[in-house]
Amino acid sequence: MTNQTVLITGASSGIGFELARCFARDNYRLVLSARPGADLQEAAQKLQQEFSGLQTVVIPADLSTHEGPVQLFEETQRQGLQIDILVNDAGFGEAGLFVETDLQKEMGIVHVNVLALMTLTKLFLREMVTRNAGKILQLGSVVSFLPNPRQAVYAATKAFVLSFSEALQHELKEMKSDVTMTILCPPATETDFFRVANAEDTKVGQSSKATPQEVAEGGYKGLLSGEARVLPTLGAKLNFASSALFPDSMLATMMNTQMQPESK
């Protein structure tokens, strides 16, 4: 039993929703956020039906805009919610050759995956450090360690998440703060990601993937135990090992093959 509150972005489906289930199981109060138009209310209702007495707050937010993350923070303040745990799950990608992909969509990817994550981390981390209590879970990826042709922008945003979060982990240790930050680095996972990224017909899109449940369970346990980094599946661990064993040029070739259309 806990009286703590967790804010989860990208909570309407996929890994974010499964993380919400993990927290609901342990009686956290949930603050669920996703883009306007997402099935956020339906997600909250599913959780309430599954977990009797669950407290949920729903706050839609468009994190692809400059003001969206700030508005989300301000709404939690307005409602008097102390966020004890922040889960930065929201994110999306786009597949294809960089010279052919849509610039506006890629600007949105950078806004959500990088700028929104950075902004929310800044705003909530300041409060956590003041209280000397709190946890943050950052959604990285196995491509945080790997050059990823045909997903160049997405992979670069996930490399940012890794580098940014590792730097903050060091700062928190230097400050002797009890606040912890965990980076979850899942492999390809069975979510809406590949549909949104126009990558369903690629080799990796057609391949066997991790389940969002196993990824969320690994991230949840790692977060609560204060782990710096979580590689939640054997596939994720192998991807990480390959990043240390092979040169970037070889890794780029391997990743490019995975992003080729399955028909070729």
C-alpha atoms as a PDB file:
ATOM      1  CA  MET A   1       0.000   0.000   0.000  1.00  0.00           C
ATOM      2  CA  THR A   2       1.326   3.445  -0.897  1.00  0.00           C
ATOM      3  CA  ASN A   3       0.132   7.022  -0.880  1.00  0.00           C
ATOM      4  CA  GLN A   4       2.520   8.060  -3.633  1.00  0.00           C
ATOM      5  CA  THR A   5       1.559   9.558  -6.981  1.00  0.00           C
ATOM      6  CA  VAL A   6       3.072   8.690 -10.359  1.00  0.00           C
ATOM      7  CA  LEU A   7       2.774  10.716 -13.564  1.00  0.00           C
ATOM      8  CA  ILE A   8       3.033   8.653 -16.748  1.00  0.00           C
ATOM      9  CA  THR A   9       3.196  10.228 -20.198  1.00  0.00           C
ATOM     10  CA  GLY A  10       2.235   8.141 -23.204  1.00  0.00           C
ATOM     11  CA  ALA A  11      -0.079   6.243 -20.859  1.00  0.00           C
ATOM     12  CA  SER A  12      -2.922   5.412 -23.249  1.00  0.00           C
ATOM     13  CA  SER A  13      -1.337   2.295 -24.773  1.00  0.00           C
ATOM     14  CA  GLY A  14       1.759   0.139 -25.145  1.00  0.00           C
ATOM     15  CA  ILE A  15       4.562   0.272 -22.603  1.00  0.00           C
ATOM     16  CA  GLY A  16       3.088   3.344 -20.914  1.00  0.00           C
ATOM     17  CA  PHE A  17      -0.238   1.615 -20.258  1.00  0.00           C
ATOM     18  CA  GLU A  18       1.481  -1.519 -18.978  1.00  0.00           C
ATOM     19  CA  LEU A  19       3.624   0.582 -16.652  1.00  0.00           C
ATOM     20  CA  ALA A  20       0.405   2.147 -15.364  1.00  0.00           C
ATOM     21  CA  ARG A  21      -0.872  -1.371 -14.632  1.00  0.00           C
ATOM     22  CA  CYS A  22       2.289  -2.116 -12.651  1.00  0.00           C
ATOM     23  CA  PHE A  23       1.822   0.973 -10.503  1.00  0.00           C
ATOM     24  CA  ALA A  24      -1.936   0.359 -10.142  1.00  0.00           C
ATOM     25  CA  ARG A  25      -1.244  -3.139  -8.838  1.00  0.00           C
ATOM     26  CA  ASP A  26       0.718  -1.564  -5.968  1.00  0.00           C
ATOM     27  CA  ASN A  27      -1.943   1.082  -5.263  1.00  0.00           C
ATOM     28  CA  TYR A  28      -0.166   4.182  -6.525  1.00  0.00           C
ATOM     29  CA  ARG A  29      -2.333   7.124  -7.473  1.00  0.00           C
ATOM     30  CA  LEU A  30      -2.045   7.455 -11.253  1.00  0.00           C
ATOM     31  CA  VAL A  31      -1.804  10.676 -13.206  1.00  0.00           C
ATOM     32  CA  LEU A  32      -2.193   9.563 -16.811  1.00  0.00           C
ATOM     33  CA  SER A  33      -1.239  11.759 -19.736  1.00  0.00           C
ATOM     34  CA  ALA A  34      -1.269  11.325 -23.499  1.00  0.00           C
ATOM     35  CA  ARG A  35      -1.889  13.455 -26.553  1.00  0.00           C
ATOM     36  CA  PRO A  36      -5.402  14.873 -27.063  1.00  0.00           C
ATOM     37  CA  GLY A  37      -7.433  12.386 -29.077  1.00  0.00           C
ATOM     38  CA  ALA A  38      -5.673   9.330 -27.646  1.00  0.00           C
ATOM     39  CA  ASP A  39      -7.778   6.736 -25.819  1.00  0.00           C
ATOM     40  CA  LEU A  40      -6.700   8.098 -22.455  1.00  0.00           C
ATOM     41  CA  GLN A  41     -10.075   8.049 -20.714  1.00  0.00           C
ATOM     42  CA  GLU A  42     -10.679   4.506 -21.937  1.00  0.00           C
ATOM     43  CA  ALA A  43      -7.285   3.465 -20.569  1.00  0.00           C
ATOM     44  CA  ALA A  44      -8.141   4.957 -17.183  1.00  0.00           C
ATOM     45  CA  GLN A  45     -11.484   3.141 -17.148  1.00  0.00           C
ATOM     46  CA  LYS A  46      -9.825  -0.191 -17.950  1.00  0.00           C
ATOM     47  CA  LEU A  47      -7.444   0.264 -15.051  1.00  0.00           C
ATOM     48  CA  GLN A  48     -10.239   1.260 -12.665  1.00  0.00           C
ATOM     49  CA  GLN A  49     -12.215  -1.835 -13.647  1.00  0.00           C
ATOM     50  CA  GLU A  50      -9.195  -4.063 -13.082  1.00  0.00           C
ATOM     51  CA  PHE A  51      -8.045  -2.495  -9.812  1.00  0.00           C
ATOM     52  CA  SER A  52     -10.790  -1.707  -7.326  1.00  0.00           C
ATOM     53  CA  GLY A  53     -10.431   1.629  -5.532  1.00  0.00           C
ATOM     54  CA  LEU A  54      -7.733   2.887  -7.897  1.00  0.00           C
ATOM     55  CA  GLN A  55      -7.318   6.665  -7.932  1.00  0.00           C
ATOM     56  CA  THR A  56      -6.695   8.118 -11.394  1.00  0.00           C
ATOM     57  CA  VAL A  57      -6.328  11.616 -12.777  1.00  0.00           C
ATOM     58  CA  VAL A  58      -6.403  12.158 -16.538  1.00  0.00           C
ATOM     59  CA  ILE A  59      -4.527  15.119 -18.051  1.00  0.00           C
ATOM     60  CA  PRO A  60      -4.306  15.224 -21.865  1.00  0.00           C
ATOM     61  CA  ALA A  61      -1.251  17.124 -23.120  1.00  0.00           C
ATOM     62  CA  ASP A  62       0.236  17.731 -26.547  1.00  0.00           C
ATOM     63  CA  LEU A  63       3.937  17.262 -25.896  1.00  0.00           C
ATOM     64  CA  SER A  64       4.786  18.053 -29.521  1.00  0.00           C
ATOM     65  CA  THR A  65       4.252  21.752 -28.761  1.00  0.00           C
ATOM     66  CA  HIS A  66       6.537  24.107 -26.854  1.00  0.00           C
ATOM     67  CA  GLU A  67       3.870  24.870 -24.259  1.00  0.00           C
ATOM     68  CA  GLY A  68       2.521  21.319 -23.807  1.00  0.00           C
ATOM     69  CA  PRO A  69       5.014  20.032 -21.206  1.00  0.00           C
ATOM     70  CA  VAL A  70       4.803  23.254 -19.183  1.00  0.00           C
ATOM     71  CA  GLN A  71       1.003  23.114 -19.249  1.00  0.00           C
ATOM     72  CA  LEU A  72       1.108  19.520 -18.001  1.00  0.00           C
ATOM     73  CA  PHE A  73       3.371  20.512 -15.110  1.00  0.00           C
ATOM     74  CA  GLU A  74       1.205  23.527 -14.283  1.00  0.00           C
ATOM     75  CA  GLU A  75      -1.958  21.417 -14.274  1.00  0.00           C
ATOM     76  CA  THR A  76      -0.470  19.037 -11.716  1.00  0.00           C
ATOM     77  CA  GLN A  77       0.392  22.098  -9.633  1.00  0.00           C
ATOM     78  CA  ARG A  78      -3.115  23.519 -10.018  1.00  0.00           C
ATOM     79  CA  GLN A  79      -4.621  20.244  -8.820  1.00  0.00           C
ATOM     80  CA  GLY A  80      -2.262  20.094  -5.848  1.00  0.00           C
ATOM     81  CA  LEU A  81      -0.624  16.869  -7.003  1.00  0.00           C
ATOM     82  CA  GLN A  82       2.806  16.035  -5.638  1.00  0.00           C
ATOM     83  CA  ILE A  83       4.466  13.867  -8.283  1.00  0.00           C
ATOM     84  CA  ASP A  84       6.618  11.331  -6.473  1.00  0.00           C
ATOM     85  CA  ILE A  85       7.517   9.368  -9.616  1.00  0.00           C
ATOM     86  CA  LEU A  86       7.773  10.676 -13.180  1.00  0.00           C
ATOM     87  CA  VAL A  87       7.650   8.253 -16.099  1.00  0.00           C
ATOM     88  CA  ASN A  88       8.689   9.872 -19.389  1.00  0.00           C
ATOM     89  CA  ASP A  89       7.248   7.249 -21.728  1.00  0.00           C
ATOM     90  CA  ALA A  90       5.776   9.385 -24.528  1.00  0.00           C
ATOM     91  CA  GLY A  91       7.598   9.070 -27.833  1.00  0.00           C
ATOM     92  CA  PHE A  92       7.313   8.040 -31.463  1.00  0.00           C
ATOM     93  CA  GLY A  93       9.414   7.542 -34.586  1.00  0.00           C
ATOM     94  CA  GLU A  94       9.473   7.669 -38.368  1.00  0.00           C
ATOM     95  CA  ALA A  95      11.048   5.154 -40.742  1.00  0.00           C
ATOM     96  CA  GLY A  96      12.617   5.814 -44.110  1.00  0.00           C
ATOM     97  CA  LEU A  97      15.558   7.503 -45.772  1.00  0.00           C
ATOM     98  CA  PHE A  98      16.168  10.872 -44.124  1.00  0.00           C
ATOM     99  CA  VAL A  99      16.083  12.737 -47.452  1.00  0.00           C
ATOM    100  CA  GLU A 100      12.596  11.323 -48.092  1.00  0.00           C
ATOM    101  CA  THR A 101      10.898  11.487 -44.688  1.00  0.00           C
ATOM    102  CA  ASP A 102       8.570  14.256 -43.524  1.00  0.00           C
ATOM    103  CA  LEU A 103      10.359  17.153 -41.814  1.00  0.00           C
ATOM    104  CA  GLN A 104       7.337  18.285 -39.800  1.00  0.00           C
ATOM    105  CA  LYS A 105       6.825  14.808 -38.374  1.00  0.00           C
ATOM    106  CA  GLU A 106      10.507  14.625 -37.464  1.00  0.00           C
ATOM    107  CA  MET A 107      10.311  18.020 -35.766  1.00  0.00           C
ATOM    108  CA  GLY A 108       7.458  16.553 -33.732  1.00  0.00           C
ATOM    109  CA  ILE A 109       9.607  13.538 -32.857  1.00  0.00           C
ATOM    110  CA  VAL A 110      12.338  15.834 -31.533  1.00  0.00           C
ATOM    111  CA  HIS A 111       9.787  17.874 -29.569  1.00  0.00           C
ATOM    112  CA  VAL A 112       8.231  14.829 -27.878  1.00  0.00           C
ATOM    113  CA  ASN A 113      11.246  12.543 -27.476  1.00  0.00           C
ATOM    114  CA  VAL A 114      13.772  15.223 -26.497  1.00  0.00           C
ATOM    115  CA  LEU A 115      12.368  18.645 -25.617  1.00  0.00           C
ATOM    116  CA  ALA A 116       9.292  17.450 -23.717  1.00  0.00           C
ATOM    117  CA  LEU A 117      11.304  14.847 -21.825  1.00  0.00           C
ATOM    118  CA  MET A 118      13.950  17.429 -20.948  1.00  0.00           C
ATOM    119  CA  THR A 119      11.351  20.005 -19.872  1.00  0.00           C
ATOM    120  CA  LEU A 120       9.341  17.631 -17.697  1.00  0.00           C
ATOM    121  CA  THR A 121      12.528  16.284 -16.150  1.00  0.00           C
ATOM    122  CA  LYS A 122      13.700  19.823 -15.350  1.00  0.00           C
ATOM    123  CA  LEU A 123      10.411  20.914 -13.791  1.00  0.00           C
ATOM    124  CA  PHE A 124       9.711  17.820 -11.701  1.00  0.00           C
ATOM    125  CA  LEU A 125      13.330  17.029 -10.801  1.00  0.00           C
ATOM    126  CA  ARG A 126      13.751  20.434  -9.167  1.00  0.00           C
ATOM    127  CA  GLU A 127      10.856  19.638  -6.830  1.00  0.00           C
ATOM    128  CA  MET A 128      12.141  16.135  -6.121  1.00  0.00           C
ATOM    129  CA  VAL A 129      15.612  17.428  -5.275  1.00  0.00           C
ATOM    130  CA  THR A 130      14.095  20.013  -2.927  1.00  0.00           C
ATOM    131  CA  ARG A 131      12.199  17.215  -1.135  1.00  0.00           C
ATOM    132  CA  ASN A 132      15.206  14.871  -1.459  1.00  0.00           C
ATOM    133  CA  ALA A 133      12.820  12.163  -2.618  1.00  0.00           C
ATOM    134  CA  GLY A 134      11.533  10.921  -5.945  1.00  0.00           C
ATOM    135  CA  LYS A 135      12.187   8.688  -8.921  1.00  0.00           C
ATOM    136  CA  ILE A 136      12.248   9.242 -12.681  1.00  0.00           C
ATOM    137  CA  LEU A 137      11.987   6.572 -15.373  1.00  0.00           C
ATOM    138  CA  GLN A 138      13.263   7.640 -18.792  1.00  0.00           C
ATOM    139  CA  LEU A 139      12.307   5.660 -21.902  1.00  0.00           C
ATOM    140  CA  GLY A 140      15.393   5.029 -23.940  1.00  0.00           C
ATOM    141  CA  SER A 141      15.789   2.183 -26.415  1.00  0.00           C
ATOM    142  CA  VAL A 142      18.345  -0.340 -27.605  1.00  0.00           C
ATOM    143  CA  VAL A 143      18.956   2.141 -30.443  1.00  0.00           C
ATOM    144  CA  SER A 144      20.263   4.535 -27.782  1.00  0.00           C
ATOM    145  CA  PHE A 145      23.518   2.596 -28.281  1.00  0.00           C
ATOM    146  CA  LEU A 146      23.283   1.952 -32.033  1.00  0.00           C
ATOM    147  CA  PRO A 147      23.408   4.010 -35.246  1.00  0.00           C
ATOM    148  CA  ASN A 148      20.093   3.301 -36.967  1.00  0.00           C
ATOM    149  CA  PRO A 149      19.859   4.138 -40.683  1.00  0.00           C
ATOM    150  CA  ARG A 150      16.287   4.636 -41.906  1.00  0.00           C
ATOM    151  CA  GLN A 151      15.373   5.759 -38.392  1.00  0.00           C
ATOM    152  CA  ALA A 152      18.071   8.385 -38.047  1.00  0.00           C
ATOM    153  CA  VAL A 153      16.099  11.019 -36.140  1.00  0.00           C
ATOM    154  CA  TYR A 154      14.385   8.589 -33.769  1.00  0.00           C
ATOM    155  CA  ALA A 155      17.648   6.823 -32.899  1.00  0.00           C
ATOM    156  CA  ALA A 156      19.365  10.162 -32.316  1.00  0.00           C
ATOM    157  CA  THR A 157      16.621  11.223 -29.890  1.00  0.00           C
ATOM    158  CA  LYS A 158      17.078   8.005 -27.945  1.00  0.00           C
ATOM    159  CA  ALA A 159      20.842   8.537 -27.853  1.00  0.00           C
ATOM    160  CA  PHE A 160      20.054  11.926 -26.306  1.00  0.00           C
ATOM    161  CA  VAL A 161      17.860  10.302 -23.649  1.00  0.00           C
ATOM    162  CA  LEU A 162      20.709   7.978 -22.669  1.00  0.00           C
ATOM    163  CA  SER A 163      23.434  10.633 -22.566  1.00  0.00           C
ATOM    164  CA  PHE A 164      21.213  13.210 -20.839  1.00  0.00           C
ATOM    165  CA  SER A 165      20.003  10.782 -18.190  1.00  0.00           C
ATOM    166  CA  GLU A 166      23.446   9.350 -17.452  1.00  0.00           C
ATOM    167  CA  ALA A 167      24.747  12.877 -16.919  1.00  0.00           C
ATOM    168  CA  LEU A 168      21.895  13.633 -14.509  1.00  0.00           C
ATOM    169  CA  GLN A 169      22.521  10.393 -12.639  1.00  0.00           C
ATOM    170  CA  HIS A 170      26.067  11.596 -11.998  1.00  0.00           C
ATOM    171  CA  GLU A 171      24.843  15.044 -10.903  1.00  0.00           C
ATOM    172  CA  LEU A 172      22.397  13.494  -8.440  1.00  0.00           C
ATOM    173  CA  LYS A 173      25.164  11.355  -6.948  1.00  0.00           C
ATOM    174  CA  GLU A 174      27.444  14.386  -6.698  1.00  0.00           C
ATOM    175  CA  MET A 175      24.662  16.234  -4.861  1.00  0.00           C
ATOM    176  CA  LYS A 176      24.245  13.211  -2.553  1.00  0.00           C
ATOM    177  CA  SER A 177      20.557  13.280  -3.426  1.00  0.00           C
ATOM    178  CA  ASP A 178      18.224  10.379  -2.668  1.00  0.00           C
ATOM    179  CA  VAL A 179      16.426  11.016  -5.976  1.00  0.00           C
ATOM    180  CA  THR A 180      17.090   8.251  -8.503  1.00  0.00           C
ATOM    181  CA  MET A 181      16.824   8.090 -12.283  1.00  0.00           C
ATOM    182  CA  THR A 182      16.465   4.892 -14.300  1.00  0.00           C
ATOM    183  CA  ILE A 183      16.820   4.466 -18.066  1.00  0.00           C
ATOM    184  CA  LEU A 184      14.682   1.727 -19.615  1.00  0.00           C
ATOM    185  CA  CYS A 185      16.117   0.485 -22.916  1.00  0.00           C
ATOM    186  CA  PRO A 186      13.674  -1.934 -24.561  1.00  0.00           C
ATOM    187  CA  PRO A 187      14.196  -3.767 -27.842  1.00  0.00           C
ATOM    188  CA  ALA A 188      11.580  -3.787 -30.607  1.00  0.00           C
ATOM    189  CA  THR A 189       8.270  -4.150 -28.767  1.00  0.00           C
ATOM    190  CA  GLU A 190       4.767  -5.144 -29.869  1.00  0.00           C
ATOM    191  CA  THR A 191       3.104  -1.709 -29.701  1.00  0.00           C
ATOM    192  CA  ASP A 192       1.701   0.885 -32.119  1.00  0.00           C
ATOM    193  CA  PHE A 193       5.228   2.191 -32.685  1.00  0.00           C
ATOM    194  CA  PHE A 194       5.833   0.475 -36.026  1.00  0.00           C
ATOM    195  CA  ARG A 195       2.443   1.499 -37.421  1.00  0.00           C
ATOM    196  CA  VAL A 196       2.948   5.146 -36.453  1.00  0.00           C
ATOM    197  CA  ALA A 197       6.518   5.047 -37.809  1.00  0.00           C
ATOM    198  CA  ASN A 198       5.377   3.550 -41.145  1.00  0.00           C
ATOM    199  CA  ALA A 199       7.656   0.589 -40.453  1.00  0.00           C
ATOM    200  CA  GLU A 200       5.226  -2.324 -40.294  1.00  0.00           C
ATOM    201  CA  ASP A 201       6.546  -3.812 -43.549  1.00  0.00           C
ATOM    202  CA  THR A 202      10.215  -3.785 -42.498  1.00  0.00           C
ATOM    203  CA  LYS A 203      12.131  -6.863 -41.385  1.00  0.00           C
ATOM    204  CA  VAL A 204      12.076  -5.716 -37.770  1.00  0.00           C
ATOM    205  CA  GLY A 205       8.441  -4.680 -38.099  1.00  0.00           C
ATOM    206  CA  GLN A 206       7.524  -8.191 -39.219  1.00  0.00           C
ATOM    207  CA  SER A 207       9.763  -9.950 -36.700  1.00  0.00           C
ATOM    208  CA  SER A 208       8.980 -11.412 -33.284  1.00  0.00           C
ATOM    209  CA  LYS A 209       9.070  -8.687 -30.642  1.00  0.00           C
ATOM    210  CA  ALA A 210       9.094  -8.226 -26.901  1.00  0.00           C
ATOM    211  CA  THR A 211       5.736  -7.775 -25.212  1.00  0.00           C
ATOM    212  CA  PRO A 212       4.938  -4.433 -23.578  1.00  0.00           C
ATOM    213  CA  GLN A 213       4.121  -6.345 -20.401  1.00  0.00           C
ATOM    214  CA  GLU A 214       7.620  -7.834 -20.007  1.00  0.00           C
ATOM    215  CA  VAL A 215       9.258  -4.516 -20.862  1.00  0.00           C
ATOM    216  CA  ALA A 216       7.100  -2.662 -18.337  1.00  0.00           C
ATOM    217  CA  GLU A 217       7.711  -5.238 -15.598  1.00  0.00           C
ATOM    218  CA  GLY A 218      11.456  -4.955 -16.085  1.00  0.00           C
ATOM    219  CA  GLY A 219      11.349  -1.177 -16.044  1.00  0.00           C
ATOM    220  CA  TYR A 220       9.090  -1.057 -12.998  1.00  0.00           C
ATOM    221  CA  LYS A 221      11.275  -3.354 -10.930  1.00  0.00           C
ATOM    222  CA  GLY A 222      14.432  -1.545 -11.994  1.00  0.00           C
ATOM    223  CA  LEU A 223      12.941   1.843 -11.150  1.00  0.00           C
ATOM    224  CA  LEU A 224      11.850   0.815  -7.665  1.00  0.00           C
ATOM    225  CA  SER A 225      15.227  -0.766  -6.915  1.00  0.00           C
ATOM    226  CA  GLY A 226      17.081   2.330  -8.134  1.00  0.00           C
ATOM    227  CA  GLU A 227      18.886   0.703 -11.057  1.00  0.00           C
ATOM    228  CA  ALA A 228      20.678   3.097 -13.386  1.00  0.00           C
ATOM    229  CA  ARG A 229      19.808   1.203 -16.571  1.00  0.00           C
ATOM    230  CA  VAL A 230      17.393  -1.599 -17.403  1.00  0.00           C
ATOM    231  CA  LEU A 231      17.779  -3.940 -20.376  1.00  0.00           C
ATOM    232  CA  PRO A 232      14.507  -5.820 -19.890  1.00  0.00           C
ATOM    233  CA  THR A 233      14.937  -8.793 -22.237  1.00  0.00           C
ATOM    234  CA  LEU A 234      17.644 -11.084 -23.552  1.00  0.00           C
ATOM    235  CA  GLY A 235      17.316  -9.370 -26.932  1.00  0.00           C
ATOM    236  CA  ALA A 236      17.986  -5.984 -25.347  1.00  0.00           C
ATOM    237  CA  LYS A 237      21.055  -7.353 -23.567  1.00  0.00           C
ATOM    238  CA  LEU A 238      22.379  -8.811 -26.833  1.00  0.00           C
ATOM    239  CA  ASN A 239      21.831  -5.490 -28.626  1.00  0.00           C
ATOM    240  CA  PHE A 240      23.776  -3.700 -25.907  1.00  0.00           C
ATOM    241  CA  ALA A 241      26.590  -6.254 -26.038  1.00  0.00           C
ATOM    242  CA  SER A 242      26.857  -5.892 -29.819  1.00  0.00           C
ATOM    243  CA  SER A 243      27.274  -2.126 -29.434  1.00  0.00           C
ATOM    244  CA  ALA A 244      30.448  -2.765 -27.435  1.00  0.00           C
ATOM    245  CA  LEU A 245      31.781  -5.567 -29.635  1.00  0.00           C
ATOM    246  CA  PHE A 246      31.346  -4.238 -33.174  1.00  0.00           C
ATOM    247  CA  PRO A 247      32.405  -0.988 -34.885  1.00  0.00           C
ATOM    248  CA  ASP A 248      29.686   1.555 -35.638  1.00  0.00           C
ATOM    249  CA  SER A 249      29.993   0.994 -39.388  1.00  0.00           C
ATOM    250  CA  MET A 250      29.140  -2.690 -38.963  1.00  0.00           C
ATOM    251  CA  LEU A 251      26.329  -1.896 -36.533  1.00  0.00           C
ATOM    252  CA  ALA A 252      24.864   0.607 -38.993  1.00  0.00           C
ATOM    253  CA  THR A 253      24.888  -2.030 -41.731  1.00  0.00           C
ATOM    254  CA  MET A 254      23.170  -4.537 -39.442  1.00  0.00           C
ATOM    255  CA  MET A 255      20.510  -2.048 -38.363  1.00  0.00           C
ATOM    256  CA  ASN A 256      19.943  -0.893 -41.943  1.00  0.00           C
ATOM    257  CA  THR A 257      19.190  -4.489 -42.930  1.00  0.00           C
ATOM    258  CA  GLN A 258      16.544  -4.692 -40.215  1.00  0.00           C
ATOM    259  CA  MET A 259      14.847  -1.555 -41.538  1.00  0.00           C
ATOM    260  CA  GLN A 260      14.575  -2.831 -45.125  1.00  0.00           C
ATOM    261  CA  PRO A 261      11.109  -3.708 -46.450  1.00  0.00           C
ATOM    262  CA  GLU A 262      10.418  -7.403 -45.829  1.00  0.00           C
ATOM    263  CA  SER A 263       9.533  -7.944 -49.491  1.00  0.00           C
ATOM    264  CA  LYS A 264      13.054  -7.048 -50.651  1.00  0.00           C
END
